[in-house]
C-alpha atoms as a PDB file:
ATOM      1  CA  UNK A   1      -6.076 -21.843 -25.086  1.00  0.00           C
ATOM      2  CA  UNK A   2      -5.855 -18.868 -22.372  1.00  0.00           C
ATOM      3  CA  UNK A   3      -5.178 -15.412 -24.917  1.00  0.00           C
ATOM      4  CA  UNK A   4      -2.318 -13.396 -24.387  1.00  0.00           C
ATOM      5  CA  UNK A   5      -3.726  -9.248 -24.292  1.00  0.00           C
ATOM      6  CA  UNK A   6      -1.514  -6.775 -24.113  1.00  0.00           C
ATOM      7  CA  UNK A   7      -2.268  -2.612 -22.478  1.00  0.00           C
ATOM      8  CA  UNK A   8      -0.301   0.023 -24.099  1.00  0.00           C
ATOM      9  CA  UNK A   9       0.409   3.226 -22.070  1.00  0.00           C
ATOM     10  CA  UNK A  10       0.170   6.887 -21.899  1.00  0.00           C
ATOM     11  CA  UNK A  11       0.094   8.111 -25.638  1.00  0.00           C
ATOM     12  CA  UNK A  12       0.098   4.127 -27.628  1.00  0.00           C
ATOM     13  CA  UNK A  13      -2.096   1.942 -29.207  1.00  0.00           C
ATOM     14  CA  UNK A  14      -2.659  -1.359 -30.680  1.00  0.00           C
ATOM     15  CA  UNK A  15      -0.205  -1.346 -33.259  1.00  0.00           C
ATOM     16  CA  UNK A  16       2.336  -0.825 -31.205  1.00  0.00           C
ATOM     17  CA  UNK A  17       2.380  -4.423 -30.459  1.00  0.00           C
ATOM     18  CA  UNK A  18       1.955  -6.160 -33.711  1.00  0.00           C
ATOM     19  CA  UNK A  19       5.368  -7.285 -34.007  1.00  0.00           C
ATOM     20  CA  UNK A  20       4.920  -9.383 -30.517  1.00  0.00           C
ATOM     21  CA  UNK A  21       0.775 -10.423 -31.873  1.00  0.00           C
ATOM     22  CA  UNK A  22       2.807 -12.417 -34.562  1.00  0.00           C
ATOM     23  CA  UNK A  23       5.538 -13.026 -32.489  1.00  0.00           C
ATOM     24  CA  UNK A  24       2.745 -14.774 -30.356  1.00  0.00           C
ATOM     25  CA  UNK A  25       0.319 -15.762 -32.615  1.00  0.00           C
ATOM     26  CA  UNK A  26      -0.211 -19.503 -31.821  1.00  0.00           C
ATOM     27  CA  UNK A  27      -0.962 -18.482 -28.045  1.00  0.00           C
ATOM     28  CA  UNK A  28      -3.527 -15.888 -29.043  1.00  0.00           C
ATOM     29  CA  UNK A  29      -3.327 -12.032 -29.071  1.00  0.00           C
ATOM     30  CA  UNK A  30      -5.250  -9.344 -28.098  1.00  0.00           C
ATOM     31  CA  UNK A  31      -4.208  -5.732 -28.635  1.00  0.00           C
ATOM     32  CA  UNK A  32      -6.167  -3.333 -26.910  1.00  0.00           C
ATOM     33  CA  UNK A  33      -6.909   0.452 -27.740  1.00  0.00           C
ATOM     34  CA  UNK A  34      -7.795   2.323 -24.436  1.00  0.00           C
ATOM     35  CA  UNK A  35     -10.140   4.644 -24.620  1.00  0.00           C
ATOM     36  CA  UNK A  36      -8.800   8.332 -25.638  1.00  0.00           C
ATOM     37  CA  UNK A  37      -5.816   6.644 -27.376  1.00  0.00           C
ATOM     38  CA  UNK A  38      -4.663   4.597 -30.944  1.00  0.00           C
ATOM     39  CA  UNK A  39      -8.012   2.959 -32.749  1.00  0.00           C
ATOM     40  CA  UNK A  40      -9.751   4.635 -30.073  1.00  0.00           C
ATOM     41  CA  UNK A  41      -8.276   8.164 -30.006  1.00  0.00           C
ATOM     42  CA  UNK A  42     -12.268   9.586 -30.599  1.00  0.00           C
ATOM     43  CA  UNK A  43     -13.614   7.874 -26.941  1.00  0.00           C
ATOM     44  CA  UNK A  44     -13.790   9.745 -24.813  1.00  0.00           C
ATOM     45  CA  UNK A  45     -11.472   9.260 -21.969  1.00  0.00           C
ATOM     46  CA  UNK A  46     -10.627   8.882 -18.294  1.00  0.00           C
ATOM     47  CA  UNK A  47      -8.901  10.423 -15.437  1.00  0.00           C
ATOM     48  CA  UNK A  48      -8.072   7.377 -13.557  1.00  0.00           C
ATOM     49  CA  UNK A  49      -6.276   4.316 -13.826  1.00  0.00           C
ATOM     50  CA  UNK A  50      -9.249   2.426 -12.128  1.00  0.00           C
ATOM     51  CA  UNK A  51     -11.507   3.892 -15.098  1.00  0.00           C
ATOM     52  CA  UNK A  52      -9.249   2.596 -17.725  1.00  0.00           C
ATOM     53  CA  UNK A  53      -9.497  -0.823 -15.839  1.00  0.00           C
ATOM     54  CA  UNK A  54     -13.233  -0.784 -15.634  1.00  0.00           C
ATOM     55  CA  UNK A  55     -13.057  -0.299 -19.070  1.00  0.00           C
ATOM     56  CA  UNK A  56     -10.295  -3.472 -19.990  1.00  0.00           C
ATOM     57  CA  UNK A  57     -12.521  -5.686 -17.960  1.00  0.00           C
ATOM     58  CA  UNK A  58     -15.627  -4.796 -19.818  1.00  0.00           C
ATOM     59  CA  UNK A  59     -14.246  -4.744 -23.264  1.00  0.00           C
ATOM     60  CA  UNK A  60     -12.797  -8.411 -22.952  1.00  0.00           C
ATOM     61  CA  UNK A  61     -16.393  -9.432 -21.535  1.00  0.00           C
ATOM     62  CA  UNK A  62     -17.869  -8.072 -24.583  1.00  0.00           C
ATOM     63  CA  UNK A  63     -15.535  -9.863 -27.077  1.00  0.00           C
ATOM     64  CA  UNK A  64     -16.337 -12.891 -25.064  1.00  0.00           C
ATOM     65  CA  UNK A  65     -13.251 -13.669 -23.049  1.00  0.00           C
ATOM     66  CA  UNK A  66     -13.849 -14.474 -19.690  1.00  0.00           C
ATOM     67  CA  UNK A  67      -9.700 -15.322 -19.303  1.00  0.00           C
ATOM     68  CA  UNK A  68      -6.343 -14.577 -20.102  1.00  0.00           C
ATOM     69  CA  UNK A  69      -2.884 -13.479 -20.007  1.00  0.00           C
ATOM     70  CA  UNK A  70      -2.356 -10.393 -19.570  1.00  0.00           C
ATOM     71  CA  UNK A  71       0.693  -7.710 -20.087  1.00  0.00           C
ATOM     72  CA  UNK A  72       0.915  -4.279 -19.123  1.00  0.00           C
ATOM     73  CA  UNK A  73       3.618  -1.158 -20.383  1.00  0.00           C
ATOM     74  CA  UNK A  74       4.107   1.979 -18.825  1.00  0.00           C
ATOM     75  CA  UNK A  75       1.005   3.763 -17.927  1.00  0.00           C
ATOM     76  CA  UNK A  76      -0.841  -0.001 -19.412  1.00  0.00           C
ATOM     77  CA  UNK A  77       1.099  -1.738 -16.193  1.00  0.00           C
ATOM     78  CA  UNK A  78      -0.204   0.348 -13.764  1.00  0.00           C
ATOM     79  CA  UNK A  79      -3.863  -0.628 -15.472  1.00  0.00           C
ATOM     80  CA  UNK A  80      -3.184  -4.395 -15.315  1.00  0.00           C
ATOM     81  CA  UNK A  81      -2.380  -3.996 -11.511  1.00  0.00           C
ATOM     82  CA  UNK A  82      -5.932  -2.213 -11.064  1.00  0.00           C
ATOM     83  CA  UNK A  83      -7.342  -4.850 -13.083  1.00  0.00           C
ATOM     84  CA  UNK A  84      -6.263  -7.402 -11.500  1.00  0.00           C
ATOM     85  CA  UNK A  85      -7.005  -6.520  -8.063  1.00  0.00           C
ATOM     86  CA  UNK A  86     -10.528  -6.023  -9.685  1.00  0.00           C
ATOM     87  CA  UNK A  87     -10.708  -9.214 -11.324  1.00  0.00           C
ATOM     88  CA  UNK A  88      -7.906 -11.973 -10.222  1.00  0.00           C
ATOM     89  CA  UNK A  89      -9.859 -14.186 -11.544  1.00  0.00           C
ATOM     90  CA  UNK A  90     -10.110 -13.544 -14.535  1.00  0.00           C
ATOM     91  CA  UNK A  91      -5.622 -13.611 -15.141  1.00  0.00           C
ATOM     92  CA  UNK A  92      -3.245 -16.250 -15.315  1.00  0.00           C
ATOM     93  CA  UNK A  93      -0.184 -14.865 -15.973  1.00  0.00           C
ATOM     94  CA  UNK A  94       1.136 -11.076 -15.452  1.00  0.00           C
ATOM     95  CA  UNK A  95       3.554  -9.264 -17.218  1.00  0.00           C
ATOM     96  CA  UNK A  96       4.726  -5.869 -15.447  1.00  0.00           C
ATOM     97  CA  UNK A  97       6.534  -4.201 -18.609  1.00  0.00           C
ATOM     98  CA  UNK A  98       8.371  -1.008 -18.532  1.00  0.00           C
ATOM     99  CA  UNK A  99       5.785   0.447 -15.331  1.00  0.00           C
ATOM    100  CA  UNK A 100       6.320   0.632 -11.421  1.00  0.00           C
ATOM    101  CA  UNK A 101       4.322   1.294  -8.286  1.00  0.00           C
ATOM    102  CA  UNK A 102       2.911   4.449  -8.615  1.00  0.00           C
ATOM    103  CA  UNK A 103       3.023   7.128 -10.710  1.00  0.00           C
ATOM    104  CA  UNK A 104       4.414  10.035 -10.261  1.00  0.00           C
ATOM    105  CA  UNK A 105       7.298   8.610 -11.717  1.00  0.00           C
ATOM    106  CA  UNK A 106      10.240   9.313  -9.258  1.00  0.00           C
ATOM    107  CA  UNK A 107      13.008   9.628 -11.535  1.00  0.00           C
ATOM    108  CA  UNK A 108      11.258  10.135 -14.475  1.00  0.00           C
ATOM    109  CA  UNK A 109      12.924  12.123 -17.887  1.00  0.00           C
ATOM    110  CA  UNK A 110      10.665  15.326 -16.546  1.00  0.00           C
ATOM    111  CA  UNK A 111       8.022  15.450 -13.595  1.00  0.00           C
ATOM    112  CA  UNK A 112       4.060  14.648 -14.304  1.00  0.00           C
ATOM    113  CA  UNK A 113       3.849  18.768 -14.019  1.00  0.00           C
ATOM    114  CA  UNK A 114       6.333  19.991 -16.498  1.00  0.00           C
ATOM    115  CA  UNK A 115       4.560  16.785 -18.779  1.00  0.00           C
ATOM    116  CA  UNK A 116       1.574  19.114 -18.480  1.00  0.00           C
ATOM    117  CA  UNK A 117       2.722  22.382 -18.469  1.00  0.00           C
ATOM    118  CA  UNK A 118       4.888  21.801 -22.101  1.00  0.00           C
ATOM    119  CA  UNK A 119       1.763  19.997 -23.855  1.00  0.00           C
ATOM    120  CA  UNK A 120       0.211  23.566 -22.936  1.00  0.00           C
ATOM    121  CA  UNK A 121       2.426  25.617 -24.129  1.00  0.00           C
ATOM    122  CA  UNK A 122       4.344  23.361 -27.036  1.00  0.00           C
ATOM    123  CA  UNK A 123       1.045  21.890 -28.186  1.00  0.00           C
ATOM    124  CA  UNK A 124      -0.083  17.722 -28.324  1.00  0.00           C
ATOM    125  CA  UNK A 125       1.601  17.323 -31.750  1.00  0.00           C
ATOM    126  CA  UNK A 126       4.851  18.554 -30.583  1.00  0.00           C
ATOM    127  CA  UNK A 127       4.008  16.888 -27.040  1.00  0.00           C
ATOM    128  CA  UNK A 128       3.382  13.309 -28.563  1.00  0.00           C
ATOM    129  CA  UNK A 129       6.408  13.803 -30.823  1.00  0.00           C
ATOM    130  CA  UNK A 130       9.231  14.353 -27.881  1.00  0.00           C
ATOM    131  CA  UNK A 131       7.801  12.054 -25.458  1.00  0.00           C
ATOM    132  CA  UNK A 132       7.945   9.554 -27.614  1.00  0.00           C
ATOM    133  CA  UNK A 133      11.371  10.393 -28.528  1.00  0.00           C
ATOM    134  CA  UNK A 134      12.678   9.605 -25.112  1.00  0.00           C
ATOM    135  CA  UNK A 135      10.854   5.737 -25.184  1.00  0.00           C
ATOM    136  CA  UNK A 136      14.149   5.043 -27.582  1.00  0.00           C
ATOM    137  CA  UNK A 137      17.963   4.603 -26.262  1.00  0.00           C
ATOM    138  CA  UNK A 138      18.644   6.551 -30.090  1.00  0.00           C
ATOM    139  CA  UNK A 139      15.524   8.969 -30.141  1.00  0.00           C
ATOM    140  CA  UNK A 140      14.811  10.163 -33.051  1.00  0.00           C
ATOM    141  CA  UNK A 141      17.392   7.560 -34.833  1.00  0.00           C
ATOM    142  CA  UNK A 142      15.763   4.762 -33.978  1.00  0.00           C
ATOM    143  CA  UNK A 143      13.898   2.819 -36.419  1.00  0.00           C
ATOM    144  CA  UNK A 144      10.402   2.683 -34.978  1.00  0.00           C
ATOM    145  CA  UNK A 145      10.514   5.785 -33.545  1.00  0.00           C
ATOM    146  CA  UNK A 146       8.025   7.116 -36.616  1.00  0.00           C
ATOM    147  CA  UNK A 147       5.263   4.641 -35.926  1.00  0.00           C
ATOM    148  CA  UNK A 148       5.235   5.442 -32.053  1.00  0.00           C
ATOM    149  CA  UNK A 149       5.583   9.230 -32.498  1.00  0.00           C
ATOM    150  CA  UNK A 150       2.523   8.678 -35.651  1.00  0.00           C
ATOM    151  CA  UNK A 151       0.539   6.536 -33.353  1.00  0.00           C
ATOM    152  CA  UNK A 152       1.067   9.190 -30.583  1.00  0.00           C
ATOM    153  CA  UNK A 153       0.051  12.207 -32.461  1.00  0.00           C
ATOM    154  CA  UNK A 154      -3.156  10.614 -32.584  1.00  0.00           C
ATOM    155  CA  UNK A 155      -4.046  12.137 -28.769  1.00  0.00           C
ATOM    156  CA  UNK A 156      -5.838  15.300 -28.417  1.00  0.00           C
ATOM    157  CA  UNK A 157      -5.059  17.628 -25.723  1.00  0.00           C
ATOM    158  CA  UNK A 158      -7.497  16.843 -23.817  1.00  0.00           C
ATOM    159  CA  UNK A 159      -6.814  13.250 -23.515  1.00  0.00           C
ATOM    160  CA  UNK A 160      -3.019  13.733 -23.327  1.00  0.00           C
ATOM    161  CA  UNK A 161      -3.952  16.006 -19.915  1.00  0.00           C
ATOM    162  CA  UNK A 162      -6.298  13.858 -18.235  1.00  0.00           C
ATOM    163  CA  UNK A 163      -3.820  10.205 -19.161  1.00  0.00           C
ATOM    164  CA  UNK A 164      -1.174  12.324 -17.149  1.00  0.00           C
ATOM    165  CA  UNK A 165      -3.832  13.071 -14.473  1.00  0.00           C
ATOM    166  CA  UNK A 166      -4.361   9.467 -14.132  1.00  0.00           C
ATOM    167  CA  UNK A 167      -1.200   8.759 -13.622  1.00  0.00           C
ATOM    168  CA  UNK A 168      -0.324  11.044 -11.459  1.00  0.00           C
ATOM    169  CA  UNK A 169      -2.767  10.264  -8.720  1.00  0.00           C
ATOM    170  CA  UNK A 170      -2.444   6.264  -8.544  1.00  0.00           C
ATOM    171  CA  UNK A 171      -0.520   4.050  -6.026  1.00  0.00           C
ATOM    172  CA  UNK A 172      -0.398   0.229  -6.255  1.00  0.00           C
ATOM    173  CA  UNK A 173       2.174  -0.445  -4.214  1.00  0.00           C
ATOM    174  CA  UNK A 174       0.003  -1.521  -1.131  1.00  0.00           C
ATOM    175  CA  UNK A 175      -1.475  -3.832  -3.328  1.00  0.00           C
ATOM    176  CA  UNK A 176       1.852  -6.319  -4.679  1.00  0.00           C
ATOM    177  CA  UNK A 177       1.936  -8.778  -1.790  1.00  0.00           C
ATOM    178  CA  UNK A 178      -1.548  -9.753  -2.002  1.00  0.00           C
ATOM    179  CA  UNK A 179      -0.721 -10.702  -5.934  1.00  0.00           C
ATOM    180  CA  UNK A 180      -1.506 -14.079  -6.580  1.00  0.00           C
ATOM    181  CA  UNK A 181      -0.961 -14.853 -10.535  1.00  0.00           C
ATOM    182  CA  UNK A 182       2.537 -16.023 -12.075  1.00  0.00           C
ATOM    183  CA  UNK A 183       4.514 -12.877 -12.869  1.00  0.00           C
ATOM    184  CA  UNK A 184       7.156 -11.232 -14.845  1.00  0.00           C
ATOM    185  CA  UNK A 185       8.447  -8.232 -14.861  1.00  0.00           C
ATOM    186  CA  UNK A 186      10.454  -7.159 -17.425  1.00  0.00           C
ATOM    187  CA  UNK A 187      12.843  -4.534 -18.012  1.00  0.00           C
ATOM    188  CA  UNK A 188      15.178  -1.957 -20.146  1.00  0.00           C
ATOM    189  CA  UNK A 189      18.247  -1.320 -18.062  1.00  0.00           C
ATOM    190  CA  UNK A 190      18.526   2.474 -20.034  1.00  0.00           C
ATOM    191  CA  UNK A 191      14.471   3.042 -19.368  1.00  0.00           C
ATOM    192  CA  UNK A 192      14.622   7.065 -18.096  1.00  0.00           C
ATOM    193  CA  UNK A 193      10.567   7.095 -17.777  1.00  0.00           C
ATOM    194  CA  UNK A 194      11.343   4.086 -14.653  1.00  0.00           C
ATOM    195  CA  UNK A 195      14.340   3.851 -12.684  1.00  0.00           C
ATOM    196  CA  UNK A 196      15.779   0.580 -11.416  1.00  0.00           C
ATOM    197  CA  UNK A 197      14.130   0.837  -7.945  1.00  0.00           C
ATOM    198  CA  UNK A 198      11.025   0.913  -9.218  1.00  0.00           C
ATOM    199  CA  UNK A 199      11.256  -2.372 -10.851  1.00  0.00           C
ATOM    200  CA  UNK A 200      12.682  -3.989  -8.068  1.00  0.00           C
ATOM    201  CA  UNK A 201      10.269  -2.758  -5.957  1.00  0.00           C
ATOM    202  CA  UNK A 202       8.196  -4.513  -8.413  1.00  0.00           C
ATOM    203  CA  UNK A 203       9.935  -7.757  -8.642  1.00  0.00           C
ATOM    204  CA  UNK A 204      10.850  -8.180  -4.850  1.00  0.00           C
ATOM    205  CA  UNK A 205       7.087  -7.083  -3.598  1.00  0.00           C
ATOM    206  CA  UNK A 206       5.210  -9.695  -5.846  1.00  0.00           C
ATOM    207  CA  UNK A 207       5.173 -13.508  -4.281  1.00  0.00           C
ATOM    208  CA  UNK A 208       8.180 -15.595  -6.901  1.00  0.00           C
ATOM    209  CA  UNK A 209       8.034 -12.305  -9.197  1.00  0.00           C
ATOM    210  CA  UNK A 210      10.543 -13.466 -12.129  1.00  0.00           C
ATOM    211  CA  UNK A 211      12.570 -10.756 -13.577  1.00  0.00           C
ATOM    212  CA  UNK A 212      13.932 -10.136 -17.235  1.00  0.00           C
ATOM    213  CA  UNK A 213      16.683  -7.058 -17.620  1.00  0.00           C
ATOM    214  CA  UNK A 214      16.922  -6.140 -21.519  1.00  0.00           C
ATOM    215  CA  UNK A 215      20.820  -4.482 -21.835  1.00  0.00           C
ATOM    216  CA  UNK A 216      20.877  -1.645 -24.231  1.00  0.00           C
ATOM    217  CA  UNK A 217      17.049  -0.454 -24.187  1.00  0.00           C
ATOM    218  CA  UNK A 218      15.149   2.545 -23.190  1.00  0.00           C
ATOM    219  CA  UNK A 219      11.180   2.704 -22.777  1.00  0.00           C
ATOM    220  CA  UNK A 220      10.308   0.437 -26.071  1.00  0.00           C
ATOM    221  CA  UNK A 221      12.558  -2.353 -25.034  1.00  0.00           C
ATOM    222  CA  UNK A 222       8.992  -4.435 -27.152  1.00  0.00           C
ATOM    223  CA  UNK A 223      10.968  -2.558 -30.671  1.00  0.00           C
ATOM    224  CA  UNK A 224      14.182  -1.973 -29.809  1.00  0.00           C
ATOM    225  CA  UNK A 225      15.151  -5.753 -29.120  1.00  0.00           C
ATOM    226  CA  UNK A 226      12.057  -7.342 -30.286  1.00  0.00           C
ATOM    227  CA  UNK A 227      13.877 -10.783 -31.263  1.00  0.00           C
ATOM    228  CA  UNK A 228      15.164 -11.174 -27.399  1.00  0.00           C
ATOM    229  CA  UNK A 229      11.609  -9.576 -26.164  1.00  0.00           C
ATOM    230  CA  UNK A 230       9.549 -12.136 -27.867  1.00  0.00           C
ATOM    231  CA  UNK A 231      11.730 -14.625 -27.165  1.00  0.00           C
ATOM    232  CA  UNK A 232      11.292 -13.991 -23.323  1.00  0.00           C
ATOM    233  CA  UNK A 233       7.764 -13.673 -23.195  1.00  0.00           C
ATOM    234  CA  UNK A 234       7.279 -16.809 -25.501  1.00  0.00           C
ATOM    235  CA  UNK A 235      10.127 -18.709 -22.799  1.00  0.00           C
ATOM    236  CA  UNK A 236       6.913 -17.118 -19.830  1.00  0.00           C
ATOM    237  CA  UNK A 237       3.862 -18.366 -21.293  1.00  0.00           C
ATOM    238  CA  UNK A 238       5.006 -21.656 -22.842  1.00  0.00           C
ATOM    239  CA  UNK A 239       6.504 -23.045 -19.872  1.00  0.00           C
END
């Protein structure tokens, strides 16, 4: 059976995917922790999206996983686009969730440069909690907020700055038309990080891509409406 590999976003970690791993257990689910984040927060991180992509491909080979389905969220969506560009023969189906075609993030709740300035002035812990709140429609009052904030707080100042640099310097727009994997684009219609224009570009530029818009969700749709999100994934991977 082809396993599903989950790649988290900026300030994320594998524990955010626990609900999806349980719901999709029959498919086989593998959630990575990128270097500098989550349970790999102690590892040296990368200053480019390409660096994260190469690490992920090598990590999966080291685990004996040659071919797989792939889902990437936010910055993880950039990373999985790079993975497809580098090893298209290894990726069966692709899910681009809450992500876009460029790292400068036009329409984001704040610019990358503002985030960079604020992490230096406010410190990593305050930044982790503040940014994690933007992922939820109800911000700090969301049920899953504290769990996400705790994961985000594991990141060091250097990992945050390096991750922001990696995103800001990336664009994958010119490669979208060449993606051959069957692709699903997922977006929460109240996302504060990625506006509809980025989602639409993915959907319209990748050949025969499918689109799922989940209502009344911000950036962490898989945690705000997990039942609906998981059903969309089950349908996509089962058909």
